[in-house]
Amino acid sequence: MKRIVKKNKFPGNFYFNTQLIFITTVGFFAAVFFWAFTNELDIVSMASGKVVPTGKVRSVQHLEGGIIEKINVEEGAMITKGDELIILQATSSQSDLDQIMARIDLELIKVSR
C-alpha cells in the first residue's frame, strides 16, 4: 500500500512564521507609538497678521557694524539705559586697532631718528 504524502504549501513551520510576523508588526507599531508620545515635533504654521509692540519702540543702531557674538537679553525683557544688549566680535575692530598701533610705533621710530 502506498502512502500519500501531502506537501505543505508553506515551507518551514507555518505557525512559527505567522507568529514571527505578528510579533514584528506589533513591535513596530509599539515603537512608533512610543516615539510619537516621547518626542516633540516642531510645528510650523503660516498666518498673516501684524506685530504690535506693547510699549514705545526704539531702534538700536551702532556706527560700525559687525558680527554679533552674544545676545545678553531675551525677547520681551525690560531693559534700562546703559544695559549691555549685545556683544560684537572684536575681530575687525581689533585688527584696525592693531594697524593703527603699528603705524604709531613706526612714526615714533621715525621721529626718534
PDB file of N, CA and C in Angstrom:
ATOM      1  N   MET A   1       0.816  -1.152   0.000  1.00  0.00           N
ATOM      2  CA  MET A   1       0.000   0.000   0.000  1.00  0.00           C
ATOM      3  C   MET A   1       0.888   1.253   0.000  1.00  0.00           C
ATOM      4  N   LYS A   2       0.503   2.167  -0.867  1.00  0.00           N
ATOM      5  CA  LYS A   2       1.283   3.387  -0.971  1.00  0.00           C
ATOM      6  C   LYS A   2       0.724   4.433  -0.024  1.00  0.00           C
ATOM      7  N   ARG A   3       1.634   5.130   0.545  1.00  0.00           N
ATOM      8  CA  ARG A   3       1.232   6.244   1.415  1.00  0.00           C
ATOM      9  C   ARG A   3       1.197   7.526   0.599  1.00  0.00           C
ATOM     10  N   ILE A   4       0.194   8.278   0.812  1.00  0.00           N
ATOM     11  CA  ILE A   4       0.093   9.563   0.121  1.00  0.00           C
ATOM     12  C   ILE A   4       0.643  10.630   1.066  1.00  0.00           C
ATOM     13  N   VAL A   5       1.640  11.282   0.585  1.00  0.00           N
ATOM     14  CA  VAL A   5       2.274  12.328   1.384  1.00  0.00           C
ATOM     15  C   VAL A   5       1.863  13.672   0.794  1.00  0.00           C
ATOM     16  N   LYS A   6       1.232  14.458   1.617  1.00  0.00           N
ATOM     17  CA  LYS A   6       0.836  15.789   1.164  1.00  0.00           C
ATOM     18  C   LYS A   6       1.991  16.751   1.428  1.00  0.00           C
ATOM     19  N   LYS A   7       2.295  17.526   0.411  1.00  0.00           N
ATOM     20  CA  LYS A   7       3.335  18.532   0.593  1.00  0.00           C
ATOM     21  C   LYS A   7       2.701  19.777   1.208  1.00  0.00           C
ATOM     22  N   ASN A   8       3.413  20.337   2.113  1.00  0.00           N
ATOM     23  CA  ASN A   8       2.954  21.551   2.776  1.00  0.00           C
ATOM     24  C   ASN A   8       3.091  22.721   1.803  1.00  0.00           C
ATOM     25  N   LYS A   9       2.038  23.517   1.670  1.00  0.00           N
ATOM     26  CA  LYS A   9       2.095  24.660   0.768  1.00  0.00           C
ATOM     27  C   LYS A   9       3.066  25.722   1.283  1.00  0.00           C
ATOM     28  N   PHE A  10       3.235  25.790   2.575  1.00  0.00           N
ATOM     29  CA  PHE A  10       4.089  26.793   3.175  1.00  0.00           C
ATOM     30  C   PHE A  10       5.371  26.121   3.644  1.00  0.00           C
ATOM     31  N   PRO A  11       6.511  26.555   3.143  1.00  0.00           N
ATOM     32  CA  PRO A  11       7.755  25.932   3.585  1.00  0.00           C
ATOM     33  C   PRO A  11       8.063  26.325   5.019  1.00  0.00           C
ATOM     34  N   GLY A  12       8.713  25.489   5.734  1.00  0.00           N
ATOM     35  CA  GLY A  12       9.065  25.766   7.114  1.00  0.00           C
ATOM     36  C   GLY A  12       7.880  25.573   8.030  1.00  0.00           C
ATOM     37  N   ASN A  13       8.026  26.052   9.216  1.00  0.00           N
ATOM     38  CA  ASN A  13       6.986  25.922  10.222  1.00  0.00           C
ATOM     39  C   ASN A  13       6.013  27.087  10.064  1.00  0.00           C
ATOM     40  N   PHE A  14       4.806  26.831   9.606  1.00  0.00           N
ATOM     41  CA  PHE A  14       3.818  27.879   9.332  1.00  0.00           C
ATOM     42  C   PHE A  14       3.453  28.635  10.607  1.00  0.00           C
ATOM     43  N   TYR A  15       3.283  27.927  11.701  1.00  0.00           N
ATOM     44  CA  TYR A  15       2.906  28.560  12.966  1.00  0.00           C
ATOM     45  C   TYR A  15       4.002  29.522  13.413  1.00  0.00           C
ATOM     46  N   PHE A  16       5.253  29.121  13.294  1.00  0.00           N
ATOM     47  CA  PHE A  16       6.373  29.966  13.705  1.00  0.00           C
ATOM     48  C   PHE A  16       6.460  31.214  12.828  1.00  0.00           C
ATOM     49  N   ASN A  17       6.271  31.059  11.511  1.00  0.00           N
ATOM     50  CA  ASN A  17       6.352  32.200  10.592  1.00  0.00           C
ATOM     51  C   ASN A  17       5.262  33.227  10.871  1.00  0.00           C
ATOM     52  N   THR A  18       4.037  32.789  11.078  1.00  0.00           N
ATOM     53  CA  THR A  18       2.951  33.744  11.353  1.00  0.00           C
ATOM     54  C   THR A  18       3.155  34.417  12.701  1.00  0.00           C
ATOM     55  N   GLN A  19       3.648  33.676  13.653  1.00  0.00           N
ATOM     56  CA  GLN A  19       3.905  34.261  14.970  1.00  0.00           C
ATOM     57  C   GLN A  19       5.020  35.302  14.874  1.00  0.00           C
ATOM     58  N   LEU A  20       6.051  35.035  14.105  1.00  0.00           N
ATOM     59  CA  LEU A  20       7.151  35.978  13.927  1.00  0.00           C
ATOM     60  C   LEU A  20       6.666  37.250  13.232  1.00  0.00           C
ATOM     61  N   ILE A  21       5.841  37.110  12.218  1.00  0.00           N
ATOM     62  CA  ILE A  21       5.295  38.281  11.517  1.00  0.00           C
ATOM     63  C   ILE A  21       4.417  39.100  12.456  1.00  0.00           C
ATOM     64  N   PHE A  22       3.605  38.451  13.253  1.00  0.00           N
ATOM     65  CA  PHE A  22       2.728  39.148  14.202  1.00  0.00           C
ATOM     66  C   PHE A  22       3.552  39.908  15.238  1.00  0.00           C
ATOM     67  N   ILE A  23       4.555  39.269  15.808  1.00  0.00           N
ATOM     68  CA  ILE A  23       5.387  39.914  16.833  1.00  0.00           C
ATOM     69  C   ILE A  23       6.155  41.090  16.231  1.00  0.00           C
ATOM     70  N   THR A  24       6.653  40.935  15.020  1.00  0.00           N
ATOM     71  CA  THR A  24       7.371  42.025  14.359  1.00  0.00           C
ATOM     72  C   THR A  24       6.448  43.211  14.101  1.00  0.00           C
ATOM     73  N   THR A  25       5.235  42.960  13.646  1.00  0.00           N
ATOM     74  CA  THR A  25       4.277  44.035  13.376  1.00  0.00           C
ATOM     75  C   THR A  25       3.888  44.757  14.658  1.00  0.00           C
ATOM     76  N   VAL A  26       3.593  44.002  15.701  1.00  0.00           N
ATOM     77  CA  VAL A  26       3.230  44.615  16.986  1.00  0.00           C
ATOM     78  C   VAL A  26       4.405  45.418  17.531  1.00  0.00           C
ATOM     79  N   GLY A  27       5.610  44.885  17.417  1.00  0.00           N
ATOM     80  CA  GLY A  27       6.797  45.605  17.885  1.00  0.00           C
ATOM     81  C   GLY A  27       7.018  46.900  17.127  1.00  0.00           C
ATOM     82  N   PHE A  28       6.794  46.864  15.823  1.00  0.00           N
ATOM     83  CA  PHE A  28       6.954  48.067  15.014  1.00  0.00           C
ATOM     84  C   PHE A  28       5.970  49.154  15.440  1.00  0.00           C
ATOM     85  N   PHE A  29       4.698  48.783  15.581  1.00  0.00           N
ATOM     86  CA  PHE A  29       3.696  49.776  15.983  1.00  0.00           C
ATOM     87  C   PHE A  29       3.930  50.266  17.409  1.00  0.00           C
ATOM     88  N   ALA A  30       4.399  49.394  18.282  1.00  0.00           N
ATOM     89  CA  ALA A  30       4.719  49.821  19.648  1.00  0.00           C
ATOM     90  C   ALA A  30       5.859  50.833  19.626  1.00  0.00           C
ATOM     91  N   ALA A  31       6.864  50.591  18.791  1.00  0.00           N
ATOM     92  CA  ALA A  31       7.980  51.529  18.684  1.00  0.00           C
ATOM     93  C   ALA A  31       7.524  52.866  18.110  1.00  0.00           C
ATOM     94  N   VAL A  32       6.632  52.841  17.126  1.00  0.00           N
ATOM     95  CA  VAL A  32       6.119  54.084  16.534  1.00  0.00           C
ATOM     96  C   VAL A  32       5.312  54.871  17.561  1.00  0.00           C
ATOM     97  N   PHE A  33       4.450  54.200  18.318  1.00  0.00           N
ATOM     98  CA  PHE A  33       3.660  54.894  19.342  1.00  0.00           C
ATOM     99  C   PHE A  33       4.555  55.434  20.453  1.00  0.00           C
ATOM    100  N   PHE A  34       5.563  54.681  20.859  1.00  0.00           N
ATOM    101  CA  PHE A  34       6.497  55.159  21.881  1.00  0.00           C
ATOM    102  C   PHE A  34       7.211  56.408  21.391  1.00  0.00           C
ATOM    103  N   TRP A  35       7.676  56.367  20.139  1.00  0.00           N
ATOM    104  CA  TRP A  35       8.357  57.521  19.568  1.00  0.00           C
ATOM    105  C   TRP A  35       7.411  58.726  19.486  1.00  0.00           C
ATOM    106  N   ALA A  36       6.162  58.499  19.090  1.00  0.00           N
ATOM    107  CA  ALA A  36       5.202  59.591  18.932  1.00  0.00           C
ATOM    108  C   ALA A  36       4.877  60.264  20.261  1.00  0.00           C
ATOM    109  N   PHE A  37       4.846  59.501  21.346  1.00  0.00           N
ATOM    110  CA  PHE A  37       4.493  60.079  22.642  1.00  0.00           C
ATOM    111  C   PHE A  37       5.688  60.679  23.366  1.00  0.00           C
ATOM    112  N   THR A  38       6.900  60.268  23.050  1.00  0.00           N
ATOM    113  CA  THR A  38       8.059  60.764  23.789  1.00  0.00           C
ATOM    114  C   THR A  38       8.795  61.885  23.082  1.00  0.00           C
ATOM    115  N   ASN A  39       8.651  62.040  21.786  1.00  0.00           N
ATOM    116  CA  ASN A  39       9.372  63.080  21.056  1.00  0.00           C
ATOM    117  C   ASN A  39       8.469  64.258  20.755  1.00  0.00           C
ATOM    118  N   GLU A  40       9.100  65.426  20.671  1.00  0.00           N
ATOM    119  CA  GLU A  40       8.357  66.646  20.378  1.00  0.00           C
ATOM    120  C   GLU A  40       8.700  67.097  18.966  1.00  0.00           C
ATOM    121  N   LEU A  41       7.709  67.396  18.199  1.00  0.00           N
ATOM    122  CA  LEU A  41       7.908  67.863  16.837  1.00  0.00           C
ATOM    123  C   LEU A  41       7.660  69.362  16.776  1.00  0.00           C
ATOM    124  N   ASP A  42       8.501  70.049  16.011  1.00  0.00           N
ATOM    125  CA  ASP A  42       8.280  71.471  15.795  1.00  0.00           C
ATOM    126  C   ASP A  42       7.121  71.635  14.820  1.00  0.00           C
ATOM    127  N   ILE A  43       6.230  72.537  15.168  1.00  0.00           N
ATOM    128  CA  ILE A  43       5.064  72.765  14.327  1.00  0.00           C
ATOM    129  C   ILE A  43       5.219  74.128  13.668  1.00  0.00           C
ATOM    130  N   VAL A  44       5.094  74.148  12.376  1.00  0.00           N
ATOM    131  CA  VAL A  44       5.192  75.391  11.624  1.00  0.00           C
ATOM    132  C   VAL A  44       3.815  75.710  11.072  1.00  0.00           C
ATOM    133  N   SER A  45       3.356  76.916  11.341  1.00  0.00           N
ATOM    134  CA  SER A  45       2.066  77.321  10.794  1.00  0.00           C
ATOM    135  C   SER A  45       2.233  78.688  10.140  1.00  0.00           C
ATOM    136  N   MET A  46       1.602  78.855   9.032  1.00  0.00           N
ATOM    137  CA  MET A  46       1.656  80.113   8.302  1.00  0.00           C
ATOM    138  C   MET A  46       0.389  80.907   8.621  1.00  0.00           C
ATOM    139  N   ALA A  47       0.575  82.176   8.951  1.00  0.00           N
ATOM    140  CA  ALA A  47      -0.574  83.023   9.249  1.00  0.00           C
ATOM    141  C   ALA A  47      -0.220  84.456   8.886  1.00  0.00           C
ATOM    142  N   SER A  48      -1.214  85.208   8.540  1.00  0.00           N
ATOM    143  CA  SER A  48      -0.977  86.622   8.281  1.00  0.00           C
ATOM    144  C   SER A  48      -1.404  87.403   9.511  1.00  0.00           C
ATOM    145  N   GLY A  49      -0.721  88.484   9.754  1.00  0.00           N
ATOM    146  CA  GLY A  49      -1.059  89.278  10.920  1.00  0.00           C
ATOM    147  C   GLY A  49      -0.119  90.457  11.043  1.00  0.00           C
ATOM    148  N   LYS A  50      -0.228  91.155  12.137  1.00  0.00           N
ATOM    149  CA  LYS A  50       0.578  92.335  12.376  1.00  0.00           C
ATOM    150  C   LYS A  50       1.137  92.251  13.786  1.00  0.00           C
ATOM    151  N   VAL A  51       2.423  92.540  13.926  1.00  0.00           N
ATOM    152  CA  VAL A  51       3.060  92.545  15.238  1.00  0.00           C
ATOM    153  C   VAL A  51       2.927  93.947  15.812  1.00  0.00           C
ATOM    154  N   VAL A  52       2.323  94.044  16.977  1.00  0.00           N
ATOM    155  CA  VAL A  52       2.105  95.337  17.617  1.00  0.00           C
ATOM    156  C   VAL A  52       2.841  95.335  18.953  1.00  0.00           C
ATOM    157  N   PRO A  53       3.816  96.239  19.145  1.00  0.00           N
ATOM    158  CA  PRO A  53       4.542  96.279  20.419  1.00  0.00           C
ATOM    159  C   PRO A  53       3.664  96.835  21.529  1.00  0.00           C
ATOM    160  N   THR A  54       3.977  96.449  22.757  1.00  0.00           N
ATOM    161  CA  THR A  54       3.178  96.907  23.889  1.00  0.00           C
ATOM    162  C   THR A  54       3.607  98.283  24.374  1.00  0.00           C
ATOM    163  N   GLY A  55       4.830  98.689  24.084  1.00  0.00           N
ATOM    164  CA  GLY A  55       5.306  99.988  24.547  1.00  0.00           C
ATOM    165  C   GLY A  55       5.899 100.787  23.407  1.00  0.00           C
ATOM    166  N   LYS A  56       6.663 101.819  23.775  1.00  0.00           N
ATOM    167  CA  LYS A  56       7.289 102.680  22.785  1.00  0.00           C
ATOM    168  C   LYS A  56       8.446 101.934  22.119  1.00  0.00           C
ATOM    169  N   VAL A  57       8.524 102.035  20.806  1.00  0.00           N
ATOM    170  CA  VAL A  57       9.551 101.325  20.047  1.00  0.00           C
ATOM    171  C   VAL A  57      10.731 102.251  19.805  1.00  0.00           C
ATOM    172  N   ARG A  58      11.915 101.738  20.060  1.00  0.00           N
ATOM    173  CA  ARG A  58      13.130 102.489  19.782  1.00  0.00           C
ATOM    174  C   ARG A  58      14.059 101.602  18.983  1.00  0.00           C
ATOM    175  N   SER A  59      14.706 102.189  18.005  1.00  0.00           N
ATOM    176  CA  SER A  59      15.640 101.404  17.200  1.00  0.00           C
ATOM    177  C   SER A  59      17.013 101.411  17.856  1.00  0.00           C
ATOM    178  N   VAL A  60      17.699 100.301  17.724  1.00  0.00           N
ATOM    179  CA  VAL A  60      19.045 100.159  18.267  1.00  0.00           C
ATOM    180  C   VAL A  60      19.989 100.113  17.081  1.00  0.00           C
ATOM    181  N   GLN A  61      20.961 101.038  17.062  1.00  0.00           N
ATOM    182  CA  GLN A  61      21.907 101.096  15.955  1.00  0.00           C
ATOM    183  C   GLN A  61      23.319 101.222  16.501  1.00  0.00           C
ATOM    184  N   HIS A  62      24.262 100.790  15.698  1.00  0.00           N
ATOM    185  CA  HIS A  62      25.660 101.012  16.030  1.00  0.00           C
ATOM    186  C   HIS A  62      26.347 101.592  14.806  1.00  0.00           C
ATOM    187  N   LEU A  63      27.473 102.249  15.005  1.00  0.00           N
ATOM    188  CA  LEU A  63      28.083 103.028  13.936  1.00  0.00           C
ATOM    189  C   LEU A  63      28.847 102.185  12.927  1.00  0.00           C
ATOM    190  N   GLU A  64      29.569 101.190  13.384  1.00  0.00           N
ATOM    191  CA  GLU A  64      30.488 100.482  12.501  1.00  0.00           C
ATOM    192  C   GLU A  64      29.951  99.174  11.951  1.00  0.00           C
ATOM    193  N   GLY A  65      28.990  98.579  12.558  1.00  0.00           N
ATOM    194  CA  GLY A  65      28.540  97.255  12.137  1.00  0.00           C
ATOM    195  C   GLY A  65      29.431  96.184  12.746  1.00  0.00           C
ATOM    196  N   GLY A  66      29.156  94.961  12.434  1.00  0.00           N
ATOM    197  CA  GLY A  66      29.969  93.870  12.965  1.00  0.00           C
ATOM    198  C   GLY A  66      29.160  92.599  13.092  1.00  0.00           C
ATOM    199  N   ILE A  67      29.812  91.593  13.630  1.00  0.00           N
ATOM    200  CA  ILE A  67      29.197  90.282  13.812  1.00  0.00           C
ATOM    201  C   ILE A  67      28.833  90.124  15.283  1.00  0.00           C
ATOM    202  N   ILE A  68      27.602  89.714  15.547  1.00  0.00           N
ATOM    203  CA  ILE A  68      27.138  89.550  16.925  1.00  0.00           C
ATOM    204  C   ILE A  68      27.740  88.284  17.513  1.00  0.00           C
ATOM    205  N   GLU A  69      28.395  88.437  18.656  1.00  0.00           N
ATOM    206  CA  GLU A  69      28.992  87.288  19.347  1.00  0.00           C
ATOM    207  C   GLU A  69      28.030  86.714  20.382  1.00  0.00           C
ATOM    208  N   LYS A  70      27.332  87.593  21.118  1.00  0.00           N
ATOM    209  CA  LYS A  70      26.443  87.123  22.178  1.00  0.00           C
ATOM    210  C   LYS A  70      25.304  88.118  22.360  1.00  0.00           C
ATOM    211  N   ILE A  71      24.101  87.602  22.584  1.00  0.00           N
ATOM    212  CA  ILE A  71      22.939  88.439  22.890  1.00  0.00           C
ATOM    213  C   ILE A  71      22.653  88.283  24.377  1.00  0.00           C
ATOM    214  N   ASN A  72      22.669  89.398  25.105  1.00  0.00           N
ATOM    215  CA  ASN A  72      22.547  89.351  26.563  1.00  0.00           C
ATOM    216  C   ASN A  72      21.123  89.498  27.079  1.00  0.00           C
ATOM    217  N   VAL A  73      20.158  89.761  26.223  1.00  0.00           N
ATOM    218  CA  VAL A  73      18.775  89.932  26.673  1.00  0.00           C
ATOM    219  C   VAL A  73      17.875  88.953  25.940  1.00  0.00           C
ATOM    220  N   GLU A  74      16.751  88.643  26.554  1.00  0.00           N
ATOM    221  CA  GLU A  74      15.765  87.746  25.941  1.00  0.00           C
ATOM    222  C   GLU A  74      14.628  88.586  25.372  1.00  0.00           C
ATOM    223  N   GLU A  75      13.875  88.006  24.480  1.00  0.00           N
ATOM    224  CA  GLU A  75      12.751  88.701  23.868  1.00  0.00           C
ATOM    225  C   GLU A  75      11.717  89.056  24.937  1.00  0.00           C
ATOM    226  N   GLY A  76      11.285  90.299  24.929  1.00  0.00           N
ATOM    227  CA  GLY A  76      10.283  90.758  25.882  1.00  0.00           C
ATOM    228  C   GLY A  76      10.859  91.238  27.206  1.00  0.00           C
ATOM    229  N   ALA A  77      12.183  91.185  27.367  1.00  0.00           N
ATOM    230  CA  ALA A  77      12.810  91.597  28.627  1.00  0.00           C
ATOM    231  C   ALA A  77      12.781  93.119  28.755  1.00  0.00           C
ATOM    232  N   MET A  78      12.624  93.590  29.975  1.00  0.00           N
ATOM    233  CA  MET A  78      12.661  95.021  30.256  1.00  0.00           C
ATOM    234  C   MET A  78      14.122  95.434  30.413  1.00  0.00           C
ATOM    235  N   ILE A  79      14.503  96.515  29.760  1.00  0.00           N
ATOM    236  CA  ILE A  79      15.876  96.995  29.846  1.00  0.00           C
ATOM    237  C   ILE A  79      15.873  98.443  30.296  1.00  0.00           C
ATOM    238  N   THR A  80      17.007  98.882  30.793  1.00  0.00           N
ATOM    239  CA  THR A  80      17.161 100.273  31.205  1.00  0.00           C
ATOM    240  C   THR A  80      18.340 100.867  30.450  1.00  0.00           C
ATOM    241  N   LYS A  81      18.468 102.171  30.531  1.00  0.00           N
ATOM    242  CA  LYS A  81      19.541 102.868  29.837  1.00  0.00           C
ATOM    243  C   LYS A  81      20.886 102.376  30.368  1.00  0.00           C
ATOM    244  N   GLY A  82      21.768 102.062  29.458  1.00  0.00           N
ATOM    245  CA  GLY A  82      23.105 101.614  29.836  1.00  0.00           C
ATOM    246  C   GLY A  82      23.269 100.103  29.882  1.00  0.00           C
ATOM    247  N   ASP A  83      22.170  99.346  29.756  1.00  0.00           N
ATOM    248  CA  ASP A  83      22.281  97.881  29.746  1.00  0.00           C
ATOM    249  C   ASP A  83      23.023  97.431  28.490  1.00  0.00           C
ATOM    250  N   GLU A  84      23.868  96.422  28.657  1.00  0.00           N
ATOM    251  CA  GLU A  84      24.598  95.855  27.526  1.00  0.00           C
ATOM    252  C   GLU A  84      23.696  94.828  26.853  1.00  0.00           C
ATOM    253  N   LEU A  85      23.232  95.137  25.643  1.00  0.00           N
ATOM    254  CA  LEU A  85      22.284  94.272  24.955  1.00  0.00           C
ATOM    255  C   LEU A  85      22.972  93.155  24.187  1.00  0.00           C
ATOM    256  N   ILE A  86      24.008  93.503  23.432  1.00  0.00           N
ATOM    257  CA  ILE A  86      24.726  92.504  22.639  1.00  0.00           C
ATOM    258  C   ILE A  86      26.220  92.736  22.754  1.00  0.00           C
ATOM    259  N   ILE A  87      26.980  91.714  22.430  1.00  0.00           N
ATOM    260  CA  ILE A  87      28.436  91.822  22.369  1.00  0.00           C
ATOM    261  C   ILE A  87      28.839  91.510  20.931  1.00  0.00           C
ATOM    262  N   LEU A  88      29.585  92.429  20.330  1.00  0.00           N
ATOM    263  CA  LEU A  88      30.051  92.234  18.959  1.00  0.00           C
ATOM    264  C   LEU A  88      31.425  91.581  18.973  1.00  0.00           C
ATOM    265  N   GLN A  89      31.706  90.793  17.926  1.00  0.00           N
ATOM    266  CA  GLN A  89      33.035  90.200  17.809  1.00  0.00           C
ATOM    267  C   GLN A  89      34.045  91.305  17.567  1.00  0.00           C
ATOM    268  N   ALA A  90      35.199  91.180  18.180  1.00  0.00           N
ATOM    269  CA  ALA A  90      36.207  92.229  18.103  1.00  0.00           C
ATOM    270  C   ALA A  90      37.202  92.000  16.974  1.00  0.00           C
ATOM    271  N   THR A  91      36.946  91.103  16.060  1.00  0.00           N
ATOM    272  CA  THR A  91      37.942  90.765  15.038  1.00  0.00           C
ATOM    273  C   THR A  91      38.268  91.940  14.130  1.00  0.00           C
ATOM    274  N   SER A  92      37.260  92.586  13.548  1.00  0.00           N
ATOM    275  CA  SER A  92      37.546  93.684  12.614  1.00  0.00           C
ATOM    276  C   SER A  92      38.050  94.918  13.351  1.00  0.00           C
ATOM    277  N   SER A  93      37.437  95.287  14.451  1.00  0.00           N
ATOM    278  CA  SER A  93      37.884  96.472  15.182  1.00  0.00           C
ATOM    279  C   SER A  93      39.241  96.233  15.833  1.00  0.00           C
ATOM    280  N   GLN A  94      39.501  95.020  16.276  1.00  0.00           N
ATOM    281  CA  GLN A  94      40.796  94.710  16.873  1.00  0.00           C
ATOM    282  C   GLN A  94      41.899  94.767  15.821  1.00  0.00           C
ATOM    283  N   SER A  95      41.622  94.291  14.611  1.00  0.00           N
ATOM    284  CA  SER A  95      42.639  94.353  13.553  1.00  0.00           C
ATOM    285  C   SER A  95      42.891  95.800  13.140  1.00  0.00           C
ATOM    286  N   ASP A  96      41.842  96.634  13.124  1.00  0.00           N
ATOM    287  CA  ASP A  96      42.028  98.059  12.833  1.00  0.00           C
ATOM    288  C   ASP A  96      42.886  98.714  13.910  1.00  0.00           C
ATOM    289  N   LEU A  97      42.627  98.388  15.162  1.00  0.00           N
ATOM    290  CA  LEU A  97      43.409  98.938  16.266  1.00  0.00           C
ATOM    291  C   LEU A  97      44.864  98.498  16.166  1.00  0.00           C
ATOM    292  N   ASP A  98      45.095  97.247  15.825  1.00  0.00           N
ATOM    293  CA  ASP A  98      46.466  96.743  15.683  1.00  0.00           C
ATOM    294  C   ASP A  98      47.206  97.481  14.567  1.00  0.00           C
ATOM    295  N   GLN A  99      46.525  97.765  13.443  1.00  0.00           N
ATOM    296  CA  GLN A  99      47.160  98.506  12.349  1.00  0.00           C
ATOM    297  C   GLN A  99      47.503  99.929  12.770  1.00  0.00           C
ATOM    298  N   ILE A 100      46.598 100.564  13.482  1.00  0.00           N
ATOM    299  CA  ILE A 100      46.844 101.941  13.934  1.00  0.00           C
ATOM    300  C   ILE A 100      48.002 101.975  14.920  1.00  0.00           C
ATOM    301  N   MET A 101      48.045 101.014  15.833  1.00  0.00           N
ATOM    302  CA  MET A 101      49.144 100.966  16.804  1.00  0.00           C
ATOM    303  C   MET A 101      50.480 100.720  16.098  1.00  0.00           C
ATOM    304  N   ALA A 102      50.475  99.899  15.044  1.00  0.00           N
ATOM    305  CA  ALA A 102      51.705  99.656  14.289  1.00  0.00           C
ATOM    306  C   ALA A 102      52.158 100.929  13.583  1.00  0.00           C
ATOM    307  N   ARG A 103      51.215 101.703  13.047  1.00  0.00           N
ATOM    308  CA  ARG A 103      51.568 102.975  12.404  1.00  0.00           C
ATOM    309  C   ARG A 103      52.138 103.967  13.415  1.00  0.00           C
ATOM    310  N   ILE A 104      51.531 104.016  14.589  1.00  0.00           N
ATOM    311  CA  ILE A 104      52.028 104.920  15.636  1.00  0.00           C
ATOM    312  C   ILE A 104      53.449 104.542  16.018  1.00  0.00           C
ATOM    313  N   ASP A 105      53.695 103.243  16.197  1.00  0.00           N
ATOM    314  CA  ASP A 105      55.047 102.791  16.541  1.00  0.00           C
ATOM    315  C   ASP A 105      56.037 103.164  15.445  1.00  0.00           C
ATOM    316  N   LEU A 106      55.647 103.007  14.176  1.00  0.00           N
ATOM    317  CA  LEU A 106      56.515 103.348  13.053  1.00  0.00           C
ATOM    318  C   LEU A 106      56.818 104.841  13.039  1.00  0.00           C
ATOM    319  N   GLU A 107      55.804 105.659  13.266  1.00  0.00           N
ATOM    320  CA  GLU A 107      56.007 107.113  13.285  1.00  0.00           C
ATOM    321  C   GLU A 107      56.881 107.523  14.465  1.00  0.00           C
ATOM    322  N   LEU A 108      56.730 106.880  15.619  1.00  0.00           N
ATOM    323  CA  LEU A 108      57.578 107.191  16.774  1.00  0.00           C
ATOM    324  C   LEU A 108      59.034 106.840  16.482  1.00  0.00           C
ATOM    325  N   ILE A 109      59.252 105.747  15.768  1.00  0.00           N
ATOM    326  CA  ILE A 109      60.621 105.365  15.401  1.00  0.00           C
ATOM    327  C   ILE A 109      61.207 106.398  14.442  1.00  0.00           C
ATOM    328  N   LYS A 110      60.402 106.868  13.482  1.00  0.00           N
ATOM    329  CA  LYS A 110      60.876 107.877  12.535  1.00  0.00           C
ATOM    330  C   LYS A 110      61.220 109.181  13.245  1.00  0.00           C
ATOM    331  N   VAL A 111      60.404 109.583  14.211  1.00  0.00           N
ATOM    332  CA  VAL A 111      60.624 110.833  14.938  1.00  0.00           C
ATOM    333  C   VAL A 111      61.878 110.733  15.798  1.00  0.00           C
ATOM    334  N   SER A 112      62.123 109.574  16.390  1.00  0.00           N
ATOM    335  CA  SER A 112      63.272 109.424  17.287  1.00  0.00           C
ATOM    336  C   SER A 112      64.594 109.425  16.527  1.00  0.00           C
ATOM    337  N   ARG A 113      64.632 109.223  15.217  1.00  0.00           N
ATOM    338  CA  ARG A 113      65.874 109.238  14.438  1.00  0.00           C
ATOM    339  C   ARG A 113      66.259 110.634  14.220  1.00  0.00           C
TER     340      ARG A 113
END
